[in-house]
Amino acid sequence: MTDTTGQTKPKMPGQIPYIIANEGCERFSFYGMRNILTPFLITSLLLSIPEHLRAAMAKEVFHTFVIGVYFFPLLGGWLSDRFFGKYNTVFWLSLVYCCGHACLAIFENNINGFYFGLFLIALGSGGIKPLVSSFVGDQFDKSNRSLAQKVFDAFYWIINFGSFFASLLMPIFLKKFGASVAFGIPGILMFIATVIFWSGRKKYVHVPISAKNPHSFLNVVRTALFGNQKGAGTGIAVIGMIAAVGSLTLIPAIG
């Protein structure tokens, strides 16, 4: 299609709706689970803890989980840049993410199974965190780059949309239907998100892996932290992975 000046109008990539719908469902699943986590721990899972210590222990578990979510992007970015590419890394970590939600729904009375579910969610959610937005950028080229801002506006709007309704609804579901249903609903949404993302696999632009990519995730992190010093990026990923795993496994096995 051309405009009145004879120039071809940029065309929106047809694969973008798959990514945006995936992000909306994923954000609902994450914030839905996160917003009922601490109340559930206090009122159900940590009842063996003395009441005056229960709230503090629940906050410790919650913050340890959040630490994992923000450490695992280092691992996800490294795996994507070095081995699997963005699509494969997001897809496989999304399946891990789904397994984590399933553990929360199944092991509502088993503290070790529940904590393992939190670990899987931290790995899945954190691992895909640095990849999805950059994967959106990969779908554009010089002919339609002007449309990228509109897409990113929609992308971040759907994040806020999903998180708002998850924060609003999930405490109600926990109160009315119990933990299995309340944790199961985010799991179903995450499974739907994964199916939607997979459905667009043949339409996506897949940027090839390049060992010398100057804009790779670890190169960006290394430059931000160490300037032009070389060799630090992999070390950061390893330290981040060890710290995340260590912090999640150091939660005391109670009960």
Protein backbone atom coordinates (compact mmCIF):
# COMPACT_ATOMS: atom_id res chain seq x y z
CA MET A 1 0.00 0.00 0.00
CA THR A 2 1.26 3.49 -0.81
CA ASP A 3 0.36 6.90 0.61
CA THR A 4 -0.30 10.12 -1.33
CA THR A 5 3.44 10.81 -1.63
CA GLY A 6 4.01 7.52 -3.41
CA GLN A 7 5.89 5.95 -0.49
CA THR A 8 5.03 2.45 0.69
CA LYS A 9 3.35 2.43 4.09
CA PRO A 10 5.10 0.28 6.68
CA LYS A 11 3.34 -3.00 7.45
CA MET A 12 2.87 -4.36 10.94
CA PRO A 13 4.51 -7.78 11.37
CA GLY A 14 1.79 -10.43 11.56
CA GLN A 15 3.56 -12.30 14.35
CA ILE A 16 3.38 -9.43 16.86
CA PRO A 17 -0.09 -10.35 18.27
CA TYR A 18 1.28 -13.76 19.34
CA ILE A 19 4.00 -12.14 21.41
CA ILE A 20 1.73 -9.52 22.98
CA ALA A 21 -0.94 -12.08 23.89
CA ASN A 22 1.75 -14.32 25.34
CA GLU A 23 3.07 -11.46 27.48
CA GLY A 24 -0.38 -10.54 28.79
CA CYS A 25 -1.12 -14.10 29.93
CA GLU A 26 2.38 -14.55 31.39
CA ARG A 27 2.16 -11.33 33.42
CA PHE A 28 -1.27 -12.31 34.74
CA SER A 29 0.13 -15.67 35.81
CA PHE A 30 3.18 -14.18 37.51
CA TYR A 31 1.47 -11.35 39.38
CA GLY A 32 -1.51 -13.52 40.20
CA MET A 33 0.75 -16.04 41.91
CA ARG A 34 2.95 -13.39 43.53
CA ASN A 35 0.06 -11.45 45.05
CA ILE A 36 -1.31 -14.44 46.94
CA LEU A 37 2.02 -15.99 47.89
CA THR A 38 2.64 -14.22 51.20
CA PRO A 39 -0.98 -14.51 52.49
CA PHE A 40 -0.98 -18.21 51.62
CA LEU A 41 2.31 -18.81 53.41
CA ILE A 42 1.09 -17.04 56.55
CA THR A 43 -2.35 -18.66 56.71
CA SER A 44 -1.60 -22.17 55.42
CA LEU A 45 1.85 -23.43 54.56
CA LEU A 46 3.79 -22.07 57.56
CA LEU A 47 1.33 -22.94 60.31
CA SER A 48 4.01 -25.05 62.02
CA ILE A 49 5.97 -21.85 62.68
CA PRO A 50 5.12 -19.94 65.90
CA GLU A 51 2.61 -17.25 65.06
CA HIS A 52 4.85 -14.35 66.04
CA LEU A 53 7.55 -15.59 63.60
CA ARG A 54 5.26 -16.61 60.74
CA ALA A 55 4.95 -13.25 58.99
CA ALA A 56 8.72 -12.70 59.05
CA MET A 57 9.35 -16.17 57.61
CA ALA A 58 6.77 -15.61 54.87
CA LYS A 59 8.47 -12.35 53.90
CA GLU A 60 11.84 -14.12 53.85
CA VAL A 61 10.52 -16.76 51.47
CA PHE A 62 8.88 -14.12 49.28
CA HIS A 63 12.00 -11.95 49.02
CA THR A 64 14.22 -14.95 48.38
CA PHE A 65 11.92 -15.89 45.53
CA VAL A 66 12.14 -12.35 44.11
CA ILE A 67 15.95 -12.49 44.35
CA GLY A 68 15.86 -15.59 42.17
CA VAL A 69 13.56 -13.91 39.64
CA TYR A 70 16.04 -11.05 39.22
CA PHE A 71 19.18 -13.21 39.14
CA PHE A 72 18.05 -15.74 36.53
CA PRO A 73 17.87 -13.20 33.66
CA LEU A 74 21.67 -13.52 33.58
CA LEU A 75 21.32 -17.23 32.92
CA GLY A 76 18.51 -16.79 30.37
CA GLY A 77 20.42 -14.18 28.40
CA TRP A 78 23.57 -16.29 28.39
CA LEU A 79 21.76 -19.43 27.19
CA SER A 80 20.01 -17.47 24.46
CA ASP A 81 23.15 -15.76 23.16
CA ARG A 82 25.46 -18.77 23.32
CA PHE A 83 23.36 -21.84 22.64
CA PHE A 84 19.65 -21.75 21.82
CA GLY A 85 18.55 -18.35 20.54
CA LYS A 86 15.69 -16.26 21.94
CA TYR A 87 12.73 -18.31 20.72
CA ASN A 88 13.97 -21.69 21.95
CA THR A 89 15.13 -20.28 25.29
CA VAL A 90 11.81 -18.55 25.92
CA PHE A 91 9.79 -21.60 24.87
CA TRP A 92 11.66 -24.17 26.97
CA LEU A 93 11.89 -21.94 30.03
CA SER A 94 8.17 -21.26 29.67
CA LEU A 95 7.56 -25.00 30.03
CA VAL A 96 9.70 -24.94 33.19
CA TYR A 97 7.57 -22.00 34.32
CA CYS A 98 4.39 -24.05 33.76
CA CYS A 99 5.81 -26.93 35.80
CA GLY A 100 6.49 -24.51 38.64
CA HIS A 101 2.88 -23.35 38.69
CA ALA A 102 1.73 -26.97 38.65
CA CYS A 103 3.89 -27.67 41.72
CA LEU A 104 2.28 -24.80 43.63
CA ALA A 105 -1.22 -26.10 42.86
CA ILE A 106 -0.38 -29.73 43.62
CA PHE A 107 1.85 -29.29 46.67
CA GLU A 108 -0.23 -26.81 48.64
CA ASN A 109 0.37 -28.90 51.77
CA ASN A 110 3.92 -30.03 51.00
CA ILE A 111 6.50 -27.38 51.85
CA ASN A 112 9.38 -28.94 49.91
CA GLY A 113 7.27 -29.45 46.78
CA PHE A 114 5.92 -25.91 47.08
CA TYR A 115 9.42 -24.42 47.42
CA PHE A 116 10.57 -26.43 44.41
CA GLY A 117 7.69 -24.89 42.46
CA LEU A 118 8.85 -21.41 43.49
CA PHE A 119 12.34 -22.28 42.29
CA LEU A 120 11.02 -23.39 38.88
CA ILE A 121 8.93 -20.23 38.53
CA ALA A 122 11.92 -18.04 39.45
CA LEU A 123 14.00 -19.88 36.85
CA GLY A 124 11.32 -19.65 34.15
CA SER A 125 10.13 -16.11 34.79
CA GLY A 126 13.61 -14.73 35.37
CA GLY A 127 15.11 -16.65 32.46
CA ILE A 128 12.70 -15.22 29.89
CA LYS A 129 12.64 -11.71 31.37
CA PRO A 130 15.47 -10.21 29.23
CA LEU A 131 14.43 -12.01 26.05
CA VAL A 132 10.80 -11.31 25.20
CA SER A 133 11.06 -7.55 24.69
CA SER A 134 14.23 -7.93 22.62
CA PHE A 135 12.51 -10.68 20.63
CA VAL A 136 9.82 -8.11 19.78
CA GLY A 137 12.53 -5.84 18.39
CA ASP A 138 13.88 -8.67 16.23
CA GLN A 139 10.57 -8.79 14.33
CA PHE A 140 11.14 -5.37 12.74
CA ASP A 141 13.41 -4.31 9.89
CA LYS A 142 14.18 -1.01 8.17
CA SER A 143 10.88 -1.03 6.27
CA ASN A 144 8.65 -1.01 9.36
CA ARG A 145 10.90 0.22 12.16
CA SER A 146 8.68 3.27 12.60
CA LEU A 147 5.92 1.01 13.95
CA ALA A 148 8.08 -0.43 16.73
CA GLN A 149 7.17 2.30 19.23
CA LYS A 150 3.45 1.56 18.83
CA VAL A 151 4.10 -2.11 19.42
CA PHE A 152 6.17 -1.50 22.53
CA ASP A 153 3.44 0.80 23.84
CA ALA A 154 0.95 -2.04 23.37
CA PHE A 155 3.46 -4.50 24.85
CA TYR A 156 3.86 -2.56 28.09
CA TRP A 157 0.17 -1.74 28.25
CA ILE A 158 -0.71 -5.44 28.20
CA ILE A 159 1.81 -6.05 31.00
CA ASN A 160 0.03 -3.51 33.20
CA PHE A 161 -3.37 -4.84 32.13
CA GLY A 162 -2.47 -8.40 33.12
CA SER A 163 -0.83 -7.44 36.40
CA PHE A 164 -3.74 -5.16 37.42
CA PHE A 165 -6.46 -7.77 36.99
CA ALA A 166 -4.31 -10.50 38.52
CA SER A 167 -3.73 -8.36 41.61
CA LEU A 168 -7.45 -7.61 41.77
CA LEU A 169 -8.86 -11.09 41.25
CA MET A 170 -6.46 -13.66 42.66
CA PRO A 171 -6.88 -12.78 46.37
CA ILE A 172 -10.63 -13.25 45.84
CA PHE A 173 -10.09 -16.67 44.27
CA LEU A 174 -7.78 -17.69 47.13
CA LYS A 175 -10.40 -16.72 49.70
CA LYS A 176 -13.37 -18.27 47.93
CA PHE A 177 -11.92 -21.39 46.28
CA GLY A 178 -8.73 -22.28 48.14
CA ALA A 179 -5.07 -22.55 47.22
CA SER A 180 -5.26 -25.27 44.56
CA VAL A 181 -7.64 -23.23 42.41
CA ALA A 182 -5.95 -19.91 43.16
CA PHE A 183 -2.51 -21.23 42.18
CA GLY A 184 -3.94 -23.36 39.39
CA ILE A 185 -5.46 -20.42 37.50
CA PRO A 186 -2.09 -18.66 36.99
CA GLY A 187 -0.71 -22.02 35.86
CA ILE A 188 -3.45 -22.35 33.24
CA LEU A 189 -2.76 -18.79 32.04
CA MET A 190 0.95 -19.56 31.75
CA PHE A 191 0.18 -22.70 29.76
CA ILE A 192 -2.05 -20.66 27.44
CA ALA A 193 0.76 -18.10 27.10
CA THR A 194 3.18 -20.86 26.09
CA VAL A 195 0.76 -22.32 23.54
CA ILE A 196 0.17 -18.88 22.01
CA PHE A 197 3.90 -18.23 21.78
CA TRP A 198 4.48 -21.66 20.20
CA SER A 199 1.65 -21.08 17.70
CA GLY A 200 3.55 -18.23 16.06
CA ARG A 201 6.80 -20.18 15.69
CA LYS A 202 6.67 -20.31 11.87
CA LYS A 203 6.06 -16.57 11.54
CA TYR A 204 8.79 -15.19 13.80
CA VAL A 205 12.03 -13.65 12.64
CA HIS A 206 14.80 -15.74 14.24
CA VAL A 207 18.07 -13.88 14.55
CA PRO A 208 20.97 -16.37 14.24
CA ILE A 209 23.25 -16.93 17.22
CA SER A 210 26.56 -15.13 16.83
CA ALA A 211 29.47 -15.67 19.21
CA LYS A 212 30.85 -12.25 18.20
CA ASN A 213 27.62 -10.31 18.56
CA PRO A 214 28.64 -6.99 20.18
CA HIS A 215 25.08 -6.46 21.40
CA SER A 216 24.68 -9.83 23.12
CA PHE A 217 23.16 -9.84 26.59
CA LEU A 218 26.41 -10.57 28.41
CA ASN A 219 28.38 -8.05 26.38
CA VAL A 220 25.88 -5.38 27.38
CA VAL A 221 26.05 -6.41 31.06
CA ARG A 222 29.85 -6.58 30.97
CA THR A 223 30.16 -3.16 29.38
CA ALA A 224 27.72 -1.65 31.88
CA LEU A 225 29.63 -3.01 34.87
CA PHE A 226 33.23 -3.11 33.73
CA GLY A 227 33.54 -0.73 30.78
CA ASN A 228 35.73 -2.26 28.09
CA GLN A 229 37.33 -4.95 30.25
CA LYS A 230 36.93 -8.36 28.61
CA GLY A 231 36.17 -11.74 30.11
CA ALA A 232 33.80 -10.59 32.82
CA GLY A 233 30.45 -11.42 31.20
CA THR A 234 30.47 -15.20 31.64
CA GLY A 235 31.69 -14.79 35.20
CA ILE A 236 28.72 -12.55 35.98
CA ALA A 237 26.30 -15.14 34.60
CA VAL A 238 27.92 -17.93 36.62
CA ILE A 239 27.94 -15.85 39.83
CA GLY A 240 24.32 -14.85 39.26
CA MET A 241 23.25 -18.44 38.67
CA ILE A 242 25.08 -19.73 41.75
CA ALA A 243 23.72 -16.92 43.92
CA ALA A 244 20.16 -17.50 42.72
CA VAL A 245 20.29 -21.27 43.22
CA GLY A 246 22.01 -20.87 46.58
CA SER A 247 19.54 -18.30 47.86
CA LEU A 248 16.55 -20.43 46.89
CA THR A 249 17.94 -23.64 48.37
CA LEU A 250 18.92 -21.99 51.65
CA ILE A 251 15.29 -21.51 52.68
CA PRO A 252 14.97 -23.71 55.77
CA ALA A 253 13.08 -26.97 55.22
CA ILE A 254 10.30 -26.54 57.75
CA GLY A 255 7.80 -29.10 58.81
